[in-house]
């Protein structure tokens, strides 16, 4: 039996990365939330990783939507607001790519370096 969870290895990678991106639609999964929290703690401690949080703007079929999943999403959005962390909405993959590209270009203009 392993002494660490596979998630612990993911969390180590999150702590060591320069940029952390999370995408959400109808729920905030337990492990995704754990990864965000890990990234946020590391950012507060060391100034990185930079954290980008995106939420998909799309219709949800209420008949098949899971109430608990939606509650987890809304609770997470509230947490982001309390932290003062801004998130970005996107409508489709192309819109997401454009939004993220714009953010990366802003970083490069400011002289962002991974070194």
N, C-alpha and C. Protein backbone atom coordinates (compact mmCIF):
# COMPACT_ATOMS: atom_id res chain seq x y z
N UNK A 1 0.84 -1.17 0.00
CA UNK A 1 0.00 0.00 0.00
C UNK A 1 0.89 1.25 0.00
N UNK A 2 0.55 2.22 -0.81
CA UNK A 2 1.34 3.44 -0.93
C UNK A 2 1.17 4.32 0.30
N UNK A 3 2.27 4.99 0.67
CA UNK A 3 2.22 5.89 1.81
C UNK A 3 1.55 7.22 1.45
N UNK A 4 1.58 7.55 0.17
CA UNK A 4 0.95 8.80 -0.27
C UNK A 4 -0.12 8.48 -1.30
N UNK A 5 -1.06 9.37 -1.39
CA UNK A 5 -2.11 9.23 -2.40
C UNK A 5 -1.57 9.74 -3.73
N UNK A 6 -2.14 9.29 -4.80
CA UNK A 6 -1.79 9.82 -6.11
C UNK A 6 -2.07 11.33 -6.13
N UNK A 7 -3.13 11.74 -5.44
CA UNK A 7 -3.47 13.17 -5.37
C UNK A 7 -2.34 13.97 -4.73
N UNK A 8 -1.62 13.38 -3.79
CA UNK A 8 -0.49 14.08 -3.17
C UNK A 8 0.59 14.39 -4.21
N UNK A 9 0.78 13.48 -5.16
CA UNK A 9 1.74 13.73 -6.23
C UNK A 9 1.26 14.87 -7.12
N UNK A 10 -0.04 14.89 -7.43
CA UNK A 10 -0.59 16.00 -8.21
C UNK A 10 -0.41 17.32 -7.47
N UNK A 11 -0.67 17.30 -6.18
CA UNK A 11 -0.54 18.52 -5.38
C UNK A 11 0.90 19.03 -5.37
N UNK A 12 1.86 18.11 -5.35
CA UNK A 12 3.27 18.52 -5.41
C UNK A 12 3.55 19.22 -6.73
N UNK A 13 3.03 18.67 -7.81
CA UNK A 13 3.21 19.31 -9.12
C UNK A 13 2.57 20.69 -9.14
N UNK A 14 1.41 20.82 -8.52
CA UNK A 14 0.74 22.13 -8.44
C UNK A 14 1.63 23.11 -7.69
N UNK A 15 2.20 22.69 -6.57
CA UNK A 15 3.07 23.59 -5.79
C UNK A 15 4.31 24.01 -6.59
N UNK A 16 4.77 23.16 -7.50
CA UNK A 16 5.99 23.43 -8.25
C UNK A 16 5.75 24.15 -9.57
N UNK A 17 4.50 24.35 -9.97
CA UNK A 17 4.24 24.94 -11.29
C UNK A 17 4.28 26.46 -11.23
N UNK A 18 4.37 27.08 -12.41
CA UNK A 18 4.39 28.54 -12.52
C UNK A 18 3.00 29.11 -12.75
N UNK A 19 2.17 28.35 -13.46
CA UNK A 19 0.81 28.79 -13.80
C UNK A 19 -0.14 27.63 -13.52
N UNK A 20 -1.23 27.93 -12.83
CA UNK A 20 -2.26 26.93 -12.52
C UNK A 20 -3.56 27.38 -13.16
N UNK A 21 -4.15 26.51 -13.97
CA UNK A 21 -5.40 26.81 -14.67
C UNK A 21 -6.45 25.81 -14.24
N UNK A 22 -7.63 26.30 -13.85
CA UNK A 22 -8.73 25.40 -13.52
C UNK A 22 -9.96 25.80 -14.32
N UNK A 23 -10.67 24.78 -14.79
CA UNK A 23 -11.86 24.96 -15.62
C UNK A 23 -13.05 24.34 -14.92
N UNK A 24 -14.19 25.05 -14.96
CA UNK A 24 -15.39 24.56 -14.29
C UNK A 24 -16.60 24.74 -15.18
N UNK A 25 -17.57 23.83 -15.01
CA UNK A 25 -18.85 23.97 -15.71
C UNK A 25 -19.98 23.80 -14.71
N UNK A 26 -20.30 22.56 -14.35
CA UNK A 26 -21.47 22.34 -13.49
C UNK A 26 -21.13 21.92 -12.07
N UNK A 27 -19.84 21.68 -11.77
CA UNK A 27 -19.50 21.27 -10.41
C UNK A 27 -18.06 21.61 -10.10
N UNK A 28 -17.76 21.57 -8.82
CA UNK A 28 -16.39 21.67 -8.35
C UNK A 28 -16.07 20.35 -7.66
N UNK A 29 -15.26 19.56 -8.31
CA UNK A 29 -14.92 18.26 -7.75
C UNK A 29 -14.01 18.39 -6.54
N UNK A 30 -14.05 17.40 -5.69
CA UNK A 30 -13.28 17.38 -4.45
C UNK A 30 -11.78 17.57 -4.71
N UNK A 31 -11.26 16.86 -5.70
CA UNK A 31 -9.83 16.92 -5.96
C UNK A 31 -9.44 18.19 -6.70
N UNK A 32 -10.31 18.68 -7.56
CA UNK A 32 -10.04 19.96 -8.22
C UNK A 32 -9.99 21.07 -7.18
N UNK A 33 -10.90 21.02 -6.23
CA UNK A 33 -10.90 22.01 -5.15
C UNK A 33 -9.62 21.90 -4.33
N UNK A 34 -9.20 20.67 -4.06
CA UNK A 34 -7.96 20.46 -3.30
C UNK A 34 -6.77 21.04 -4.06
N UNK A 35 -6.75 20.84 -5.38
CA UNK A 35 -5.66 21.38 -6.20
C UNK A 35 -5.69 22.91 -6.19
N UNK A 36 -6.88 23.50 -6.30
CA UNK A 36 -6.97 24.96 -6.24
C UNK A 36 -6.46 25.46 -4.89
N UNK A 37 -6.90 24.84 -3.81
CA UNK A 37 -6.48 25.27 -2.47
C UNK A 37 -4.96 25.15 -2.32
N UNK A 38 -4.39 24.09 -2.87
CA UNK A 38 -2.94 23.91 -2.83
C UNK A 38 -2.25 25.03 -3.60
N UNK A 39 -2.75 25.34 -4.79
CA UNK A 39 -2.18 26.42 -5.60
C UNK A 39 -2.30 27.76 -4.88
N UNK A 40 -3.44 28.00 -4.26
CA UNK A 40 -3.66 29.27 -3.58
C UNK A 40 -2.72 29.43 -2.38
N UNK A 41 -2.59 28.39 -1.59
CA UNK A 41 -1.67 28.45 -0.44
C UNK A 41 -0.23 28.70 -0.91
N UNK A 42 0.15 28.00 -1.98
CA UNK A 42 1.51 28.18 -2.50
C UNK A 42 1.71 29.59 -3.05
N UNK A 43 0.68 30.12 -3.70
CA UNK A 43 0.76 31.49 -4.22
C UNK A 43 0.93 32.49 -3.07
N UNK A 44 0.16 32.31 -2.01
CA UNK A 44 0.27 33.22 -0.87
C UNK A 44 1.66 33.13 -0.22
N UNK A 45 2.23 31.94 -0.26
CA UNK A 45 3.53 31.71 0.37
C UNK A 45 4.69 32.21 -0.51
N UNK A 46 4.61 31.95 -1.82
CA UNK A 46 5.77 32.17 -2.69
C UNK A 46 5.52 33.07 -3.90
N UNK A 47 4.28 33.52 -4.09
CA UNK A 47 3.99 34.37 -5.25
C UNK A 47 3.77 33.62 -6.54
N UNK A 48 3.75 32.32 -6.46
CA UNK A 48 3.42 31.48 -7.61
C UNK A 48 2.90 30.15 -7.11
N UNK A 49 2.11 29.48 -7.86
CA UNK A 49 1.79 29.73 -9.27
C UNK A 49 0.76 30.85 -9.44
N UNK A 50 0.81 31.47 -10.60
CA UNK A 50 -0.27 32.38 -10.97
C UNK A 50 -1.50 31.51 -11.21
N UNK A 51 -2.65 31.97 -10.78
CA UNK A 51 -3.86 31.14 -10.82
C UNK A 51 -4.89 31.75 -11.75
N UNK A 52 -5.32 30.96 -12.71
CA UNK A 52 -6.37 31.38 -13.65
C UNK A 52 -7.54 30.42 -13.50
N UNK A 53 -8.71 30.97 -13.27
CA UNK A 53 -9.90 30.18 -13.03
C UNK A 53 -10.96 30.57 -14.05
N UNK A 54 -11.44 29.59 -14.79
CA UNK A 54 -12.41 29.82 -15.86
C UNK A 54 -13.68 29.02 -15.59
N UNK A 55 -14.82 29.67 -15.85
CA UNK A 55 -16.12 29.02 -15.73
C UNK A 55 -16.82 29.07 -17.08
N UNK A 56 -17.30 27.93 -17.52
CA UNK A 56 -18.01 27.86 -18.79
C UNK A 56 -19.40 28.48 -18.66
N UNK A 57 -19.72 29.37 -19.59
CA UNK A 57 -21.05 29.96 -19.68
C UNK A 57 -21.87 29.12 -20.66
N UNK A 58 -22.80 28.36 -20.16
CA UNK A 58 -23.63 27.53 -21.03
C UNK A 58 -24.92 27.18 -20.29
N UNK A 59 -25.92 26.86 -21.07
CA UNK A 59 -27.18 26.44 -20.48
C UNK A 59 -27.01 25.08 -19.80
N UNK A 60 -27.73 24.92 -18.72
CA UNK A 60 -27.73 23.66 -17.98
C UNK A 60 -29.14 23.09 -18.03
N UNK A 61 -29.25 21.82 -18.35
CA UNK A 61 -30.56 21.16 -18.35
C UNK A 61 -30.94 20.87 -16.91
N UNK A 62 -31.92 21.59 -16.42
CA UNK A 62 -32.27 21.46 -15.00
C UNK A 62 -32.80 20.07 -14.65
N UNK A 63 -33.38 19.38 -15.62
CA UNK A 63 -33.90 18.04 -15.35
C UNK A 63 -32.82 17.03 -15.06
N UNK A 64 -31.63 17.26 -15.61
CA UNK A 64 -30.54 16.31 -15.38
C UNK A 64 -29.42 16.89 -14.51
N UNK A 65 -29.58 18.13 -14.08
CA UNK A 65 -28.55 18.74 -13.25
C UNK A 65 -28.58 18.15 -11.84
N UNK A 66 -27.40 17.93 -11.30
CA UNK A 66 -27.28 17.41 -9.95
C UNK A 66 -27.22 18.59 -8.98
N UNK A 67 -28.16 18.65 -8.07
CA UNK A 67 -28.27 19.77 -7.14
C UNK A 67 -27.00 19.95 -6.31
N UNK A 68 -26.44 18.85 -5.83
CA UNK A 68 -25.22 18.93 -5.01
C UNK A 68 -24.04 19.44 -5.82
N UNK A 69 -23.95 19.01 -7.08
CA UNK A 69 -22.88 19.50 -7.94
C UNK A 69 -22.97 21.01 -8.12
N UNK A 70 -24.19 21.48 -8.41
CA UNK A 70 -24.38 22.92 -8.61
C UNK A 70 -24.08 23.70 -7.33
N UNK A 71 -24.48 23.14 -6.19
CA UNK A 71 -24.18 23.80 -4.91
C UNK A 71 -22.68 23.91 -4.70
N UNK A 72 -21.94 22.85 -5.08
CA UNK A 72 -20.48 22.89 -4.92
C UNK A 72 -19.88 23.99 -5.79
N UNK A 73 -20.43 24.16 -6.97
CA UNK A 73 -19.96 25.20 -7.88
C UNK A 73 -20.23 26.59 -7.31
N UNK A 74 -21.45 26.80 -6.85
CA UNK A 74 -21.81 28.12 -6.30
C UNK A 74 -21.03 28.43 -5.04
N UNK A 75 -20.81 27.42 -4.21
CA UNK A 75 -20.02 27.63 -2.98
C UNK A 75 -18.58 28.00 -3.34
N UNK A 76 -18.05 27.36 -4.36
CA UNK A 76 -16.68 27.66 -4.78
C UNK A 76 -16.59 29.08 -5.34
N UNK A 77 -17.58 29.47 -6.12
CA UNK A 77 -17.59 30.84 -6.65
C UNK A 77 -17.65 31.85 -5.50
N UNK A 78 -18.40 31.54 -4.48
CA UNK A 78 -18.47 32.41 -3.30
C UNK A 78 -17.12 32.48 -2.61
N UNK A 79 -16.45 31.35 -2.49
CA UNK A 79 -15.11 31.32 -1.89
C UNK A 79 -14.16 32.20 -2.69
N UNK A 80 -14.22 32.10 -4.01
CA UNK A 80 -13.35 32.93 -4.85
C UNK A 80 -13.59 34.41 -4.58
N UNK A 81 -14.86 34.78 -4.47
CA UNK A 81 -15.20 36.18 -4.17
C UNK A 81 -14.62 36.61 -2.83
N UNK A 82 -14.75 35.75 -1.83
CA UNK A 82 -14.22 36.06 -0.49
C UNK A 82 -12.70 36.21 -0.51
N UNK A 83 -12.03 35.44 -1.37
CA UNK A 83 -10.58 35.51 -1.48
C UNK A 83 -10.13 36.71 -2.31
N UNK A 84 -11.08 37.34 -3.01
CA UNK A 84 -10.72 38.43 -3.92
C UNK A 84 -10.11 37.91 -5.21
N UNK A 85 -10.38 36.66 -5.52
CA UNK A 85 -9.84 36.03 -6.73
C UNK A 85 -10.86 36.18 -7.86
N UNK A 86 -10.44 36.79 -8.93
CA UNK A 86 -11.33 36.99 -10.07
C UNK A 86 -11.31 35.77 -10.97
N UNK A 87 -12.46 35.44 -11.51
CA UNK A 87 -12.52 34.35 -12.47
C UNK A 87 -13.04 34.89 -13.79
N UNK A 88 -12.85 34.10 -14.83
CA UNK A 88 -13.22 34.51 -16.18
C UNK A 88 -14.22 33.52 -16.75
N UNK A 89 -15.22 34.02 -17.43
CA UNK A 89 -16.17 33.15 -18.10
C UNK A 89 -15.76 32.92 -19.55
N UNK A 90 -16.17 31.79 -20.08
CA UNK A 90 -15.93 31.51 -21.50
C UNK A 90 -17.14 30.80 -22.07
N UNK A 91 -17.37 31.00 -23.37
CA UNK A 91 -18.55 30.45 -24.03
C UNK A 91 -18.30 29.14 -24.75
N UNK A 92 -17.09 28.96 -25.26
CA UNK A 92 -16.73 27.75 -26.01
C UNK A 92 -15.21 27.63 -25.99
N UNK A 93 -14.69 26.57 -26.60
CA UNK A 93 -13.25 26.32 -26.55
C UNK A 93 -12.47 27.46 -27.20
N UNK A 94 -12.94 27.96 -28.32
CA UNK A 94 -12.24 29.05 -28.99
C UNK A 94 -12.19 30.30 -28.10
N UNK A 95 -13.28 30.59 -27.45
CA UNK A 95 -13.33 31.73 -26.54
C UNK A 95 -12.36 31.53 -25.38
N UNK A 96 -12.32 30.32 -24.83
CA UNK A 96 -11.39 30.00 -23.75
C UNK A 96 -9.95 30.20 -24.21
N UNK A 97 -9.62 29.68 -25.38
CA UNK A 97 -8.25 29.82 -25.89
C UNK A 97 -7.88 31.29 -26.07
N UNK A 98 -8.81 32.08 -26.59
CA UNK A 98 -8.56 33.51 -26.79
C UNK A 98 -8.34 34.21 -25.43
N UNK A 99 -9.21 33.89 -24.46
CA UNK A 99 -9.09 34.50 -23.13
C UNK A 99 -7.74 34.16 -22.49
N UNK A 100 -7.35 32.89 -22.58
CA UNK A 100 -6.10 32.46 -21.96
C UNK A 100 -4.90 33.05 -22.69
N UNK A 101 -4.98 33.07 -24.01
CA UNK A 101 -3.90 33.68 -24.81
C UNK A 101 -3.72 35.14 -24.42
N UNK A 102 -4.81 35.86 -24.25
CA UNK A 102 -4.73 37.27 -23.84
C UNK A 102 -4.03 37.40 -22.49
N UNK A 103 -4.34 36.50 -21.55
CA UNK A 103 -3.70 36.54 -20.24
C UNK A 103 -2.20 36.24 -20.34
N UNK A 104 -1.84 35.26 -21.18
CA UNK A 104 -0.43 34.94 -21.35
C UNK A 104 0.33 36.09 -21.98
N UNK A 105 -0.29 36.75 -22.96
CA UNK A 105 0.36 37.90 -23.60
C UNK A 105 0.59 39.03 -22.59
N UNK A 106 -0.36 39.25 -21.70
CA UNK A 106 -0.19 40.27 -20.66
C UNK A 106 0.99 39.91 -19.75
N UNK A 107 1.12 38.64 -19.42
CA UNK A 107 2.25 38.21 -18.59
C UNK A 107 3.57 38.46 -19.29
N UNK A 108 3.63 38.12 -20.57
CA UNK A 108 4.87 38.32 -21.32
C UNK A 108 5.22 39.79 -21.43
N UNK A 109 4.21 40.64 -21.62
CA UNK A 109 4.44 42.09 -21.68
C UNK A 109 5.04 42.60 -20.37
N UNK A 110 4.67 41.97 -19.27
CA UNK A 110 5.18 42.37 -17.95
C UNK A 110 6.53 41.74 -17.64
N UNK A 111 7.04 40.92 -18.58
CA UNK A 111 8.34 40.29 -18.38
C UNK A 111 8.31 39.00 -17.60
N UNK A 112 7.16 38.31 -17.59
CA UNK A 112 7.04 37.04 -16.86
C UNK A 112 8.08 36.05 -17.36
N UNK A 113 8.71 35.39 -16.42
CA UNK A 113 9.70 34.38 -16.74
C UNK A 113 9.52 33.21 -15.79
N UNK A 114 9.77 32.01 -16.30
CA UNK A 114 9.67 30.83 -15.44
C UNK A 114 10.98 30.54 -14.74
N UNK A 115 11.99 31.32 -15.00
CA UNK A 115 13.31 31.07 -14.42
C UNK A 115 13.59 31.70 -13.15
